[in-house]
Amino acid sequence: MTIDDYSQLSPDLVIRAVESTGRISDARVMALNSYENRVYQIGIEDDKPLIAKFYRPARWQTAQILEEHQFCQALVAAELPVVAPIMQDEAQTLFEFEGYRFALFQRKGGQAPEAGDLEQLHRIGMLLGRVHAIGLQQDFVHRPRLTIERFLDYPARVIKSSFIPSSLSARYDAVISVIRSKIVALNMNQSVFIRSHGDCHLGNILWTRDDGPWLVDFDDCQSAPAIQDLWMLLTGSRHEQESQLAELLDGYTLFCDFDVRELVLIDGLRALRMIHYAGWLATRWTDPAFPKYFPWFNSESYWLQHVAELEQQCSLMDAPPLRWL
């Protein structure tokens, strides 16, 4: 039986799914913050709790999920601090129960790194350099590639079809067209595309007192230029971002070379993320969790702000790229 939504995913089903892997639950189930997937902490009798991630139905093919797991396992095998799916019987990492696919993870404590902390960014850069050194060893076969079609064309079509107010439609079309032409001019496909985390923001890094940074949530791993895993960690003014970039890359290049020509892509990638994020919310708007947790979305004030931010980002794309000081 194939499931196409989360309507049948009850606490009882979650417990039974975990127990189908041979574990005995103590019936404690706690939902964790996650919108794209459903993630729970499950109590296990006479053992530590586990984290169960139920993949959004119909989003990824099984081969794509397994390739995500294989990448994580390769990083763990190289002794990198990555929270990877638990491997059962030395092979299985993906389970299925009553139409839902899920994976199990050890619970890992920690907190998000401090935004702009230069010492932490240096350590994170070292970790990402090690990740990319392994990412370069082979290509993804099934995971997607970062493209204008995925991150701009498709979400813009979804937004135009049912969401953007008619009063903003012409402005939206205009700014999308200009951003697209500017990104095409960047020739992103001339960069080396590698296996990457794909969504490497501070919320997907756990900072631990003893071990420093741990990477979590490879759900969006994809083939992308290396800079895709670096630029989201930069915050503040241009001067602050250049200082942060220097620390990241000084750590990164201890383990992996970096092509400085990729710095010109940063503002284009930021524009793509802004468009993609709005499109993601629009695509998921029929999921009851989204109106509940994103009540500000799809209001006229939201779209007015979104278009204005895209117009501002369009102007920023004309500025010189950040420098590696």
C-alpha atoms as a PDB file:
ATOM      1  CA  MET A   1       0.000   0.000   0.000  1.00  0.00           C
ATOM      2  CA  THR A   2       1.351   3.406  -0.982  1.00  0.00           C
ATOM      3  CA  ILE A   3       0.588   6.397   1.237  1.00  0.00           C
ATOM      4  CA  ASP A   4       0.490   9.885  -0.302  1.00  0.00           C
ATOM      5  CA  ASP A   5       0.063  11.979   2.863  1.00  0.00           C
ATOM      6  CA  TYR A   6       0.547  11.877   6.629  1.00  0.00           C
ATOM      7  CA  SER A   7      -3.116  11.440   7.570  1.00  0.00           C
ATOM      8  CA  GLN A   8      -2.622   7.847   8.756  1.00  0.00           C
ATOM      9  CA  LEU A   9       0.559   8.532  10.734  1.00  0.00           C
ATOM     10  CA  SER A  10      -0.796   8.215  14.277  1.00  0.00           C
ATOM     11  CA  PRO A  11       1.312   7.791  17.460  1.00  0.00           C
ATOM     12  CA  ASP A  12       0.230   4.152  17.540  1.00  0.00           C
ATOM     13  CA  LEU A  13       1.445   3.584  13.986  1.00  0.00           C
ATOM     14  CA  VAL A  14       4.753   5.296  14.828  1.00  0.00           C
ATOM     15  CA  ILE A  15       5.283   2.931  17.769  1.00  0.00           C
ATOM     16  CA  ARG A  16       4.339  -0.130  15.748  1.00  0.00           C
ATOM     17  CA  ALA A  17       6.655   0.954  12.932  1.00  0.00           C
ATOM     18  CA  VAL A  18       9.629   1.280  15.288  1.00  0.00           C
ATOM     19  CA  GLU A  19       8.805  -2.046  16.931  1.00  0.00           C
ATOM     20  CA  SER A  20       8.723  -3.692  13.492  1.00  0.00           C
ATOM     21  CA  THR A  21      12.513  -3.231  13.475  1.00  0.00           C
ATOM     22  CA  GLY A  22      12.844  -5.535  16.485  1.00  0.00           C
ATOM     23  CA  ARG A  23      12.877  -2.891  19.222  1.00  0.00           C
ATOM     24  CA  ILE A  24      10.411  -2.570  22.085  1.00  0.00           C
ATOM     25  CA  SER A  25       9.009   0.889  22.720  1.00  0.00           C
ATOM     26  CA  ASP A  26       8.077   2.113  26.182  1.00  0.00           C
ATOM     27  CA  ALA A  27       5.184   3.963  24.472  1.00  0.00           C
ATOM     28  CA  ARG A  28       6.687   7.427  24.929  1.00  0.00           C
ATOM     29  CA  VAL A  29       6.381   9.386  21.675  1.00  0.00           C
ATOM     30  CA  MET A  30       7.341  13.040  21.333  1.00  0.00           C
ATOM     31  CA  ALA A  31       6.933  14.913  18.058  1.00  0.00           C
ATOM     32  CA  LEU A  32       9.944  17.085  17.182  1.00  0.00           C
ATOM     33  CA  ASN A  33      10.031  20.235  15.082  1.00  0.00           C
ATOM     34  CA  SER A  34       9.994  19.182  11.449  1.00  0.00           C
ATOM     35  CA  TYR A  35       7.729  20.233   8.607  1.00  0.00           C
ATOM     36  CA  GLU A  36       8.964  18.534   5.459  1.00  0.00           C
ATOM     37  CA  ASN A  37       9.165  15.151   7.178  1.00  0.00           C
ATOM     38  CA  ARG A  38       7.689  13.904  10.454  1.00  0.00           C
ATOM     39  CA  VAL A  39      10.240  13.301  13.199  1.00  0.00           C
ATOM     40  CA  TYR A  40       9.658  11.741  16.607  1.00  0.00           C
ATOM     41  CA  GLN A  41      11.631  10.835  19.695  1.00  0.00           C
ATOM     42  CA  ILE A  42      10.658   7.299  20.677  1.00  0.00           C
ATOM     43  CA  GLY A  43      11.318   5.813  24.101  1.00  0.00           C
ATOM     44  CA  ILE A  44      12.939   2.360  23.973  1.00  0.00           C
ATOM     45  CA  GLU A  45      12.684  -0.121  26.832  1.00  0.00           C
ATOM     46  CA  ASP A  46      15.989  -0.556  28.716  1.00  0.00           C
ATOM     47  CA  ASP A  47      17.819   1.645  26.224  1.00  0.00           C
ATOM     48  CA  LYS A  48      18.253   5.259  25.132  1.00  0.00           C
ATOM     49  CA  PRO A  49      15.464   6.906  23.110  1.00  0.00           C
ATOM     50  CA  LEU A  50      15.776   6.904  19.335  1.00  0.00           C
ATOM     51  CA  ILE A  51      14.815   9.447  16.697  1.00  0.00           C
ATOM     52  CA  ALA A  52      12.513   8.198  13.945  1.00  0.00           C
ATOM     53  CA  LYS A  53      12.204  10.190  10.717  1.00  0.00           C
ATOM     54  CA  PHE A  54       9.229   9.378   8.506  1.00  0.00           C
ATOM     55  CA  TYR A  55       9.935  10.592   4.990  1.00  0.00           C
ATOM     56  CA  ARG A  56       7.345  12.739   3.268  1.00  0.00           C
ATOM     57  CA  PRO A  57       5.385  10.384   1.008  1.00  0.00           C
ATOM     58  CA  ALA A  58       6.038  10.701  -2.726  1.00  0.00           C
ATOM     59  CA  ARG A  59       8.824  13.265  -2.318  1.00  0.00           C
ATOM     60  CA  TRP A  60      11.904  11.106  -2.861  1.00  0.00           C
ATOM     61  CA  GLN A  61      12.323   7.837  -4.691  1.00  0.00           C
ATOM     62  CA  THR A  62      13.647   5.026  -2.543  1.00  0.00           C
ATOM     63  CA  ALA A  63      16.916   5.032  -4.509  1.00  0.00           C
ATOM     64  CA  GLN A  64      17.371   8.731  -3.695  1.00  0.00           C
ATOM     65  CA  ILE A  65      16.851   8.152   0.032  1.00  0.00           C
ATOM     66  CA  LEU A  66      19.270   5.240   0.034  1.00  0.00           C
ATOM     67  CA  GLU A  67      21.876   7.366  -1.737  1.00  0.00           C
ATOM     68  CA  GLU A  68      21.485   9.984   1.014  1.00  0.00           C
ATOM     69  CA  HIS A  69      22.074   7.231   3.586  1.00  0.00           C
ATOM     70  CA  GLN A  70      25.086   5.876   1.711  1.00  0.00           C
ATOM     71  CA  PHE A  71      26.673   9.326   1.631  1.00  0.00           C
ATOM     72  CA  CYS A  72      26.141   9.687   5.386  1.00  0.00           C
ATOM     73  CA  GLN A  73      27.586   6.241   6.023  1.00  0.00           C
ATOM     74  CA  ALA A  74      30.678   7.096   3.947  1.00  0.00           C
ATOM     75  CA  LEU A  75      31.197  10.198   6.085  1.00  0.00           C
ATOM     76  CA  VAL A  76      30.804   8.190   9.303  1.00  0.00           C
ATOM     77  CA  ALA A  77      33.248   5.589   7.997  1.00  0.00           C
ATOM     78  CA  ALA A  78      35.771   8.429   7.631  1.00  0.00           C
ATOM     79  CA  GLU A  79      35.108   9.277  11.314  1.00  0.00           C
ATOM     80  CA  LEU A  80      33.355  12.557  10.580  1.00  0.00           C
ATOM     81  CA  PRO A  81      30.869  13.911  13.139  1.00  0.00           C
ATOM     82  CA  VAL A  82      27.675  13.274  11.197  1.00  0.00           C
ATOM     83  CA  VAL A  83      24.352  12.039  12.588  1.00  0.00           C
ATOM     84  CA  ALA A  84      23.673   9.190  10.173  1.00  0.00           C
ATOM     85  CA  PRO A  85      20.828   6.649   9.973  1.00  0.00           C
ATOM     86  CA  ILE A  86      21.287   3.579  12.141  1.00  0.00           C
ATOM     87  CA  MET A  87      22.386   0.595  10.093  1.00  0.00           C
ATOM     88  CA  GLN A  88      20.640  -2.666  11.001  1.00  0.00           C
ATOM     89  CA  ASP A  89      22.099  -6.065  10.238  1.00  0.00           C
ATOM     90  CA  GLU A  90      25.084  -4.319   8.606  1.00  0.00           C
ATOM     91  CA  ALA A  91      23.005  -3.247   5.628  1.00  0.00           C
ATOM     92  CA  GLN A  92      19.502  -1.868   6.183  1.00  0.00           C
ATOM     93  CA  THR A  93      18.997   1.837   6.947  1.00  0.00           C
ATOM     94  CA  LEU A  94      15.555   2.425   5.403  1.00  0.00           C
ATOM     95  CA  PHE A  95      12.438   0.704   6.709  1.00  0.00           C
ATOM     96  CA  GLU A  96       8.848   0.607   5.504  1.00  0.00           C
ATOM     97  CA  PHE A  97       5.695   0.106   7.532  1.00  0.00           C
ATOM     98  CA  GLU A  98       2.123   0.349   6.263  1.00  0.00           C
ATOM     99  CA  GLY A  99       3.136   2.529   3.334  1.00  0.00           C
ATOM    100  CA  TYR A 100       5.490   4.891   5.220  1.00  0.00           C
ATOM    101  CA  ARG A 101       9.263   4.863   4.786  1.00  0.00           C
ATOM    102  CA  PHE A 102      11.352   5.771   7.825  1.00  0.00           C
ATOM    103  CA  ALA A 103      14.856   5.758   9.257  1.00  0.00           C
ATOM    104  CA  LEU A 104      16.145   5.612  12.833  1.00  0.00           C
ATOM    105  CA  PHE A 105      18.844   7.790  14.361  1.00  0.00           C
ATOM    106  CA  GLN A 106      20.686   7.992  17.655  1.00  0.00           C
ATOM    107  CA  ARG A 107      19.639  11.018  19.680  1.00  0.00           C
ATOM    108  CA  LYS A 108      22.411  13.639  19.691  1.00  0.00           C
ATOM    109  CA  GLY A 109      22.533  16.533  22.121  1.00  0.00           C
ATOM    110  CA  GLY A 110      23.860  19.967  21.260  1.00  0.00           C
ATOM    111  CA  GLN A 111      22.764  23.428  20.230  1.00  0.00           C
ATOM    112  CA  ALA A 112      22.989  25.596  17.150  1.00  0.00           C
ATOM    113  CA  PRO A 113      26.313  27.421  16.690  1.00  0.00           C
ATOM    114  CA  GLU A 114      26.429  31.124  17.467  1.00  0.00           C
ATOM    115  CA  ALA A 115      25.838  33.181  14.333  1.00  0.00           C
ATOM    116  CA  GLY A 116      29.022  34.968  13.338  1.00  0.00           C
ATOM    117  CA  ASP A 117      31.262  33.242  15.910  1.00  0.00           C
ATOM    118  CA  LEU A 118      34.613  33.170  14.085  1.00  0.00           C
ATOM    119  CA  GLU A 119      36.170  30.366  16.129  1.00  0.00           C
ATOM    120  CA  GLN A 120      33.162  28.131  15.573  1.00  0.00           C
ATOM    121  CA  LEU A 121      33.081  28.987  11.868  1.00  0.00           C
ATOM    122  CA  HIS A 122      36.707  27.918  11.524  1.00  0.00           C
ATOM    123  CA  ARG A 123      35.835  24.526  13.045  1.00  0.00           C
ATOM    124  CA  ILE A 124      32.751  24.226  10.833  1.00  0.00           C
ATOM    125  CA  GLY A 125      34.889  25.065   7.795  1.00  0.00           C
ATOM    126  CA  MET A 126      37.268  22.244   8.715  1.00  0.00           C
ATOM    127  CA  LEU A 127      34.356  19.817   8.942  1.00  0.00           C
ATOM    128  CA  LEU A 128      32.866  20.917   5.605  1.00  0.00           C
ATOM    129  CA  GLY A 129      36.263  20.623   3.959  1.00  0.00           C
ATOM    130  CA  ARG A 130      36.442  17.008   5.105  1.00  0.00           C
ATOM    131  CA  VAL A 131      32.873  16.377   3.945  1.00  0.00           C
ATOM    132  CA  HIS A 132      33.579  17.797   0.491  1.00  0.00           C
ATOM    133  CA  ALA A 133      36.857  15.899   0.159  1.00  0.00           C
ATOM    134  CA  ILE A 134      34.761  12.743   0.431  1.00  0.00           C
ATOM    135  CA  GLY A 135      31.972  14.246  -1.667  1.00  0.00           C
ATOM    136  CA  LEU A 136      34.454  14.680  -4.517  1.00  0.00           C
ATOM    137  CA  GLN A 137      35.359  11.001  -4.579  1.00  0.00           C
ATOM    138  CA  GLN A 138      32.303  10.024  -6.624  1.00  0.00           C
ATOM    139  CA  ASP A 139      29.097  11.523  -7.984  1.00  0.00           C
ATOM    140  CA  PHE A 140      25.505  11.144  -6.956  1.00  0.00           C
ATOM    141  CA  VAL A 141      23.549   8.991  -9.374  1.00  0.00           C
ATOM    142  CA  HIS A 142      20.010   9.434  -8.073  1.00  0.00           C
ATOM    143  CA  ARG A 143      20.045  12.610  -5.962  1.00  0.00           C
ATOM    144  CA  PRO A 144      19.025  15.840  -7.739  1.00  0.00           C
ATOM    145  CA  ARG A 145      21.234  18.625  -9.002  1.00  0.00           C
ATOM    146  CA  LEU A 146      20.995  22.275  -7.979  1.00  0.00           C
ATOM    147  CA  THR A 147      19.468  23.889 -11.066  1.00  0.00           C
ATOM    148  CA  ILE A 148      17.589  27.031 -12.056  1.00  0.00           C
ATOM    149  CA  GLU A 149      14.701  24.799 -13.105  1.00  0.00           C
ATOM    150  CA  ARG A 150      14.333  23.269  -9.612  1.00  0.00           C
ATOM    151  CA  PHE A 151      14.985  26.385  -7.554  1.00  0.00           C
ATOM    152  CA  LEU A 152      13.424  29.132  -9.691  1.00  0.00           C
ATOM    153  CA  ASP A 153      11.292  27.983 -12.622  1.00  0.00           C
ATOM    154  CA  TYR A 154       9.180  25.389 -10.815  1.00  0.00           C
ATOM    155  CA  PRO A 155       8.506  27.358  -7.587  1.00  0.00           C
ATOM    156  CA  ALA A 156       7.741  30.511  -9.584  1.00  0.00           C
ATOM    157  CA  ARG A 157       5.156  28.592 -11.646  1.00  0.00           C
ATOM    158  CA  VAL A 158       3.505  27.277  -8.462  1.00  0.00           C
ATOM    159  CA  ILE A 159       3.374  30.761  -6.974  1.00  0.00           C
ATOM    160  CA  LYS A 160       1.998  32.294 -10.164  1.00  0.00           C
ATOM    161  CA  SER A 161      -0.657  29.607 -10.563  1.00  0.00           C
ATOM    162  CA  SER A 162      -2.588  30.224  -7.348  1.00  0.00           C
ATOM    163  CA  PHE A 163      -0.804  32.426  -4.836  1.00  0.00           C
ATOM    164  CA  ILE A 164       0.602  35.770  -5.970  1.00  0.00           C
ATOM    165  CA  PRO A 165      -2.023  38.572  -5.766  1.00  0.00           C
ATOM    166  CA  SER A 166      -2.991  40.022  -9.132  1.00  0.00           C
ATOM    167  CA  SER A 167      -1.850  43.459  -7.962  1.00  0.00           C
ATOM    168  CA  LEU A 168       1.712  42.124  -7.612  1.00  0.00           C
ATOM    169  CA  SER A 169       1.760  39.769 -10.576  1.00  0.00           C
ATOM    170  CA  ALA A 170       3.547  42.122 -12.996  1.00  0.00           C
ATOM    171  CA  ARG A 171       6.204  43.100 -10.429  1.00  0.00           C
ATOM    172  CA  TYR A 172       6.773  39.443  -9.564  1.00  0.00           C
ATOM    173  CA  ASP A 173       7.137  38.435 -13.201  1.00  0.00           C
ATOM    174  CA  ALA A 174       9.587  41.259 -13.807  1.00  0.00           C
ATOM    175  CA  VAL A 175      11.876  40.528 -10.886  1.00  0.00           C
ATOM    176  CA  ILE A 176      11.835  36.770 -11.532  1.00  0.00           C
ATOM    177  CA  SER A 177      12.808  37.408 -15.160  1.00  0.00           C
ATOM    178  CA  VAL A 178      15.699  39.686 -14.201  1.00  0.00           C
ATOM    179  CA  ILE A 179      16.980  37.351 -11.480  1.00  0.00           C
ATOM    180  CA  ARG A 180      16.836  34.431 -13.875  1.00  0.00           C
ATOM    181  CA  SER A 181      18.856  36.253 -16.524  1.00  0.00           C
ATOM    182  CA  LYS A 182      21.441  37.320 -13.955  1.00  0.00           C
ATOM    183  CA  ILE A 183      21.828  33.746 -12.667  1.00  0.00           C
ATOM    184  CA  VAL A 184      22.144  32.376 -16.194  1.00  0.00           C
ATOM    185  CA  ALA A 185      24.922  34.920 -16.772  1.00  0.00           C
ATOM    186  CA  LEU A 186      26.815  33.512 -13.769  1.00  0.00           C
ATOM    187  CA  ASN A 187      27.404  30.263 -15.704  1.00  0.00           C
ATOM    188  CA  MET A 188      26.922  28.184 -12.567  1.00  0.00           C
ATOM    189  CA  ASN A 189      27.252  24.967 -14.561  1.00  0.00           C
ATOM    190  CA  GLN A 190      30.915  25.785 -15.190  1.00  0.00           C
ATOM    191  CA  SER A 191      31.567  25.097 -11.499  1.00  0.00           C
ATOM    192  CA  VAL A 192      32.445  21.630 -10.249  1.00  0.00           C
ATOM    193  CA  PHE A 193      29.323  20.003  -8.818  1.00  0.00           C
ATOM    194  CA  ILE A 194      30.001  17.710  -5.866  1.00  0.00           C
ATOM    195  CA  ARG A 195      28.025  15.655  -3.377  1.00  0.00           C
ATOM    196  CA  SER A 196      26.982  18.247  -0.809  1.00  0.00           C
ATOM    197  CA  HIS A 197      24.828  18.573   2.300  1.00  0.00           C
ATOM    198  CA  GLY A 198      22.704  20.979   0.271  1.00  0.00           C
ATOM    199  CA  ASP A 199      20.957  22.787   3.146  1.00  0.00           C
ATOM    200  CA  CYS A 200      23.842  23.704   5.423  1.00  0.00           C
ATOM    201  CA  HIS A 201      22.448  26.448   7.648  1.00  0.00           C
ATOM    202  CA  LEU A 202      23.039  26.863  11.382  1.00  0.00           C
ATOM    203  CA  GLY A 203      19.879  24.917  12.218  1.00  0.00           C
ATOM    204  CA  ASN A 204      21.392  21.794  10.631  1.00  0.00           C
ATOM    205  CA  ILE A 205      24.565  21.951  12.720  1.00  0.00           C
ATOM    206  CA  LEU A 206      24.765  20.838  16.338  1.00  0.00           C
ATOM    207  CA  TRP A 207      27.514  22.439  18.393  1.00  0.00           C
ATOM    208  CA  THR A 208      28.739  20.202  21.209  1.00  0.00           C
ATOM    209  CA  ARG A 209      31.008  21.224  24.050  1.00  0.00           C
ATOM    210  CA  ASP A 210      33.433  18.320  23.613  1.00  0.00           C
ATOM    211  CA  ASP A 211      33.365  17.587  19.883  1.00  0.00           C
ATOM    212  CA  GLY A 212      32.501  20.899  18.252  1.00  0.00           C
ATOM    213  CA  PRO A 213      30.193  20.762  15.188  1.00  0.00           C
ATOM    214  CA  TRP A 214      28.062  17.811  14.098  1.00  0.00           C
ATOM    215  CA  LEU A 215      26.159  17.820  10.805  1.00  0.00           C
ATOM    216  CA  VAL A 216      22.535  16.657  10.816  1.00  0.00           C
ATOM    217  CA  ASP A 217      19.674  16.289   8.332  1.00  0.00           C
ATOM    218  CA  PHE A 218      21.014  15.372   4.898  1.00  0.00           C
ATOM    219  CA  ASP A 219      17.452  15.255   3.530  1.00  0.00           C
ATOM    220  CA  ASP A 220      18.290  17.891   0.893  1.00  0.00           C
ATOM    221  CA  CYS A 221      21.693  16.543  -0.121  1.00  0.00           C
ATOM    222  CA  GLN A 222      22.322  17.202  -3.796  1.00  0.00           C
ATOM    223  CA  SER A 223      24.956  17.796  -6.418  1.00  0.00           C
ATOM    224  CA  ALA A 224      25.996  21.438  -6.104  1.00  0.00           C
ATOM    225  CA  PRO A 225      29.003  23.778  -6.152  1.00  0.00           C
ATOM    226  CA  ALA A 226      30.961  23.719  -2.888  1.00  0.00           C
ATOM    227  CA  ILE A 227      29.894  27.269  -2.030  1.00  0.00           C
ATOM    228  CA  GLN A 228      26.305  26.010  -1.549  1.00  0.00           C
ATOM    229  CA  ASP A 229      27.376  24.507   1.803  1.00  0.00           C
ATOM    230  CA  LEU A 230      29.177  27.677   2.915  1.00  0.00           C
ATOM    231  CA  TRP A 231      27.215  30.790   2.020  1.00  0.00           C
ATOM    232  CA  MET A 232      24.232  30.147   4.319  1.00  0.00           C
ATOM    233  CA  LEU A 233      26.561  30.399   7.332  1.00  0.00           C
ATOM    234  CA  LEU A 234      27.367  34.052   6.571  1.00  0.00           C
ATOM    235  CA  THR A 235      25.441  36.801   8.384  1.00  0.00           C
ATOM    236  CA  GLY A 236      25.551  40.552   8.980  1.00  0.00           C
ATOM    237  CA  SER A 237      27.208  43.333   7.007  1.00  0.00           C
ATOM    238  CA  ARG A 238      29.483  42.817   4.028  1.00  0.00           C
ATOM    239  CA  HIS A 239      32.555  43.355   6.226  1.00  0.00           C
ATOM    240  CA  GLU A 240      31.275  40.835   8.781  1.00  0.00           C
ATOM    241  CA  GLN A 241      30.496  38.296   6.074  1.00  0.00           C
ATOM    242  CA  GLU A 242      33.989  38.617   4.596  1.00  0.00           C
ATOM    243  CA  SER A 243      35.546  38.034   8.024  1.00  0.00           C
ATOM    244  CA  GLN A 244      33.326  34.981   8.521  1.00  0.00           C
ATOM    245  CA  LEU A 245      34.101  33.699   5.031  1.00  0.00           C
ATOM    246  CA  ALA A 246      37.825  33.979   5.742  1.00  0.00           C
ATOM    247  CA  GLU A 247      37.497  31.798   8.843  1.00  0.00           C
ATOM    248  CA  LEU A 248      35.330  29.256   7.048  1.00  0.00           C
ATOM    249  CA  LEU A 249      37.684  28.944   4.100  1.00  0.00           C
ATOM    250  CA  ASP A 250      40.842  28.959   6.196  1.00  0.00           C
ATOM    251  CA  GLY A 251      39.462  25.890   7.963  1.00  0.00           C
ATOM    252  CA  TYR A 252      37.956  24.389   4.811  1.00  0.00           C
ATOM    253  CA  THR A 253      41.142  24.534   2.740  1.00  0.00           C
ATOM    254  CA  LEU A 254      43.069  22.549   5.329  1.00  0.00           C
ATOM    255  CA  PHE A 255      41.249  19.532   3.885  1.00  0.00           C
ATOM    256  CA  CYS A 256      39.853  20.498   0.475  1.00  0.00           C
ATOM    257  CA  ASP A 257      40.737  22.970  -2.263  1.00  0.00           C
ATOM    258  CA  PHE A 258      38.287  25.799  -2.934  1.00  0.00           C
ATOM    259  CA  ASP A 259      37.738  27.544  -6.266  1.00  0.00           C
ATOM    260  CA  VAL A 260      37.559  31.257  -5.411  1.00  0.00           C
ATOM    261  CA  ARG A 261      35.568  31.854  -8.620  1.00  0.00           C
ATOM    262  CA  GLU A 262      32.545  30.334  -6.860  1.00  0.00           C
ATOM    263  CA  LEU A 263      32.242  33.407  -4.634  1.00  0.00           C
ATOM    264  CA  VAL A 264      30.435  35.199  -7.460  1.00  0.00           C
ATOM    265  CA  LEU A 265      27.583  32.691  -7.077  1.00  0.00           C
ATOM    266  CA  ILE A 266      26.637  33.652  -3.502  1.00  0.00           C
ATOM    267  CA  ASP A 267      24.015  36.312  -4.176  1.00  0.00           C
ATOM    268  CA  GLY A 268      22.536  34.268  -7.002  1.00  0.00           C
ATOM    269  CA  LEU A 269      22.236  31.242  -4.719  1.00  0.00           C
ATOM    270  CA  ARG A 270      20.654  33.451  -2.061  1.00  0.00           C
ATOM    271  CA  ALA A 271      18.063  34.636  -4.598  1.00  0.00           C
ATOM    272  CA  LEU A 272      17.334  31.043  -5.617  1.00  0.00           C
ATOM    273  CA  ARG A 273      16.815  30.070  -1.982  1.00  0.00           C
ATOM    274  CA  MET A 274      14.377  32.941  -1.419  1.00  0.00           C
ATOM    275  CA  ILE A 275      12.303  31.907  -4.434  1.00  0.00           C
ATOM    276  CA  HIS A 276      12.512  28.213  -3.630  1.00  0.00           C
ATOM    277  CA  TYR A 277      11.456  28.750  -0.009  1.00  0.00           C
ATOM    278  CA  ALA A 278       8.313  30.642  -0.987  1.00  0.00           C
ATOM    279  CA  GLY A 279       7.551  27.957  -3.563  1.00  0.00           C
ATOM    280  CA  TRP A 280       8.095  25.229  -0.968  1.00  0.00           C
ATOM    281  CA  LEU A 281       5.518  26.821   1.339  1.00  0.00           C
ATOM    282  CA  ALA A 282       3.098  27.166  -1.558  1.00  0.00           C
ATOM    283  CA  THR A 283       3.585  23.554  -2.631  1.00  0.00           C
ATOM    284  CA  ARG A 284       2.989  22.297   0.922  1.00  0.00           C
ATOM    285  CA  TRP A 285       0.036  24.583   1.709  1.00  0.00           C
ATOM    286  CA  THR A 286      -2.469  21.710   1.549  1.00  0.00           C
ATOM    287  CA  ASP A 287      -0.584  19.923   4.369  1.00  0.00           C
ATOM    288  CA  PRO A 288      -2.510  20.911   7.543  1.00  0.00           C
ATOM    289  CA  ALA A 289       0.754  21.500   9.409  1.00  0.00           C
ATOM    290  CA  PHE A 290       1.723  24.415   7.174  1.00  0.00           C
ATOM    291  CA  PRO A 291      -1.182  26.833   7.749  1.00  0.00           C
ATOM    292  CA  LYS A 292      -0.813  26.016  11.454  1.00  0.00           C
ATOM    293  CA  TYR A 293       2.907  26.757  11.715  1.00  0.00           C
ATOM    294  CA  PHE A 294       3.225  29.390   8.977  1.00  0.00           C
ATOM    295  CA  PRO A 295       0.070  31.495   9.506  1.00  0.00           C
ATOM    296  CA  TRP A 296       1.743  34.587   8.038  1.00  0.00           C
ATOM    297  CA  PHE A 297       2.230  32.933   4.651  1.00  0.00           C
ATOM    298  CA  ASN A 298      -0.016  33.703   1.653  1.00  0.00           C
ATOM    299  CA  SER A 299      -1.256  37.031   2.937  1.00  0.00           C
ATOM    300  CA  GLU A 300      -1.050  40.139   0.771  1.00  0.00           C
ATOM    301  CA  SER A 301       1.471  41.643   3.207  1.00  0.00           C
ATOM    302  CA  TYR A 302       3.667  38.528   2.882  1.00  0.00           C
ATOM    303  CA  TRP A 303       3.722  38.706  -0.897  1.00  0.00           C
ATOM    304  CA  LEU A 304       4.360  42.456  -0.870  1.00  0.00           C
ATOM    305  CA  GLN A 305       7.377  41.909   1.385  1.00  0.00           C
ATOM    306  CA  HIS A 306       8.560  38.899  -0.645  1.00  0.00           C
ATOM    307  CA  VAL A 307       8.523  40.805  -3.941  1.00  0.00           C
ATOM    308  CA  ALA A 308      10.280  43.783  -2.335  1.00  0.00           C
ATOM    309  CA  GLU A 309      12.989  41.488  -0.927  1.00  0.00           C
ATOM    310  CA  LEU A 310      13.495  39.879  -4.327  1.00  0.00           C
ATOM    311  CA  GLU A 311      13.858  43.317  -5.903  1.00  0.00           C
ATOM    312  CA  GLN A 312      16.448  44.250  -3.278  1.00  0.00           C
ATOM    313  CA  GLN A 313      18.285  40.970  -3.835  1.00  0.00           C
ATOM    314  CA  CYS A 314      18.244  41.626  -7.567  1.00  0.00           C
ATOM    315  CA  SER A 315      20.144  44.875  -6.910  1.00  0.00           C
ATOM    316  CA  LEU A 316      22.614  43.130  -4.603  1.00  0.00           C
ATOM    317  CA  MET A 317      23.485  40.735  -7.416  1.00  0.00           C
ATOM    318  CA  ASP A 318      25.104  43.676  -9.234  1.00  0.00           C
ATOM    319  CA  ALA A 319      27.574  44.317  -6.375  1.00  0.00           C
ATOM    320  CA  PRO A 320      31.108  42.867  -6.451  1.00  0.00           C
ATOM    321  CA  PRO A 321      31.329  39.370  -4.898  1.00  0.00           C
ATOM    322  CA  LEU A 322      32.558  38.863  -1.359  1.00  0.00           C
ATOM    323  CA  ARG A 323      36.334  38.684  -1.043  1.00  0.00           C
ATOM    324  CA  TRP A 324      38.356  35.964   0.646  1.00  0.00           C
ATOM    325  CA  LEU A 325      40.470  38.205   2.862  1.00  0.00           C
END
